Amino acid sequence: MLRRNAPLISPEKALLMSTPAASRPRRPHSEVDSGRRAILRGSAWAVPAIAVAVAAPHAAASTAENLGAYSLTGTCGVLGLVGPGFLLRASSTSSLPADTTVTVIGSGIANIGFFSVTGGTARVAVLSGTSRQITLTAPLAADATLAIRTTLSISDAFTLNAVTALPTGYVATGAKSAGSVSSTRILCSGT
């Protein structure tokens, strides 16, 4: 007679339960290691390794110098007077180091023009007809602004996107590291 709440047992388990322990077949050692104990042993070794891996980036970041909230902003300039481009402003507390780069990529036009730099010391490298890289050759003082301008006219349709990169060993908490300028021949906007 089957009881209502009795647990169901497989025939193999029922046979093992009825066989004395001394006469039961033993599992090979390799099967035993694949059980819970082996998993626990493996995880015990993994925890310190994971802890070291997680702590390493934190330790590396804590040695970098924080330059604060510098900004890169797109600007339309003034039609016929000052060309469009970007303003790179150092934070009020730290200068931007030499070798900081601003990479400008243009679209909607075959050539993004000749770039000039005022307010600091930098070199302009022509990467292609639609890309330039501006590299600071001397630090940009705290609260100073570097103007990066092109000979393009806002009466042309184009988009310029720029992004900064800091040299190794520096971080910038709260920085605005990218900017853009977009001209539709009628309207121009910079961010």
Foldseek 3Di string as FASTA:
>chain_A
DDDDPDDDDDPVVVVVVVDDPVPDDDDDPVVVCVDPVVVVVVVVVVVVVVVVVVVVVVVQVVQFAAQAAWEKKWDCADAPPFHTDIKTFGAQPHWAAFFKKKKKFKDPDQAQADKDKPFAAWDWDDPHRGMIMITGRGIRGHGTMMTIGGPDGLLGFMKMKMFIDGDPRYDYPNYHGIKMWGHPSVDIDID
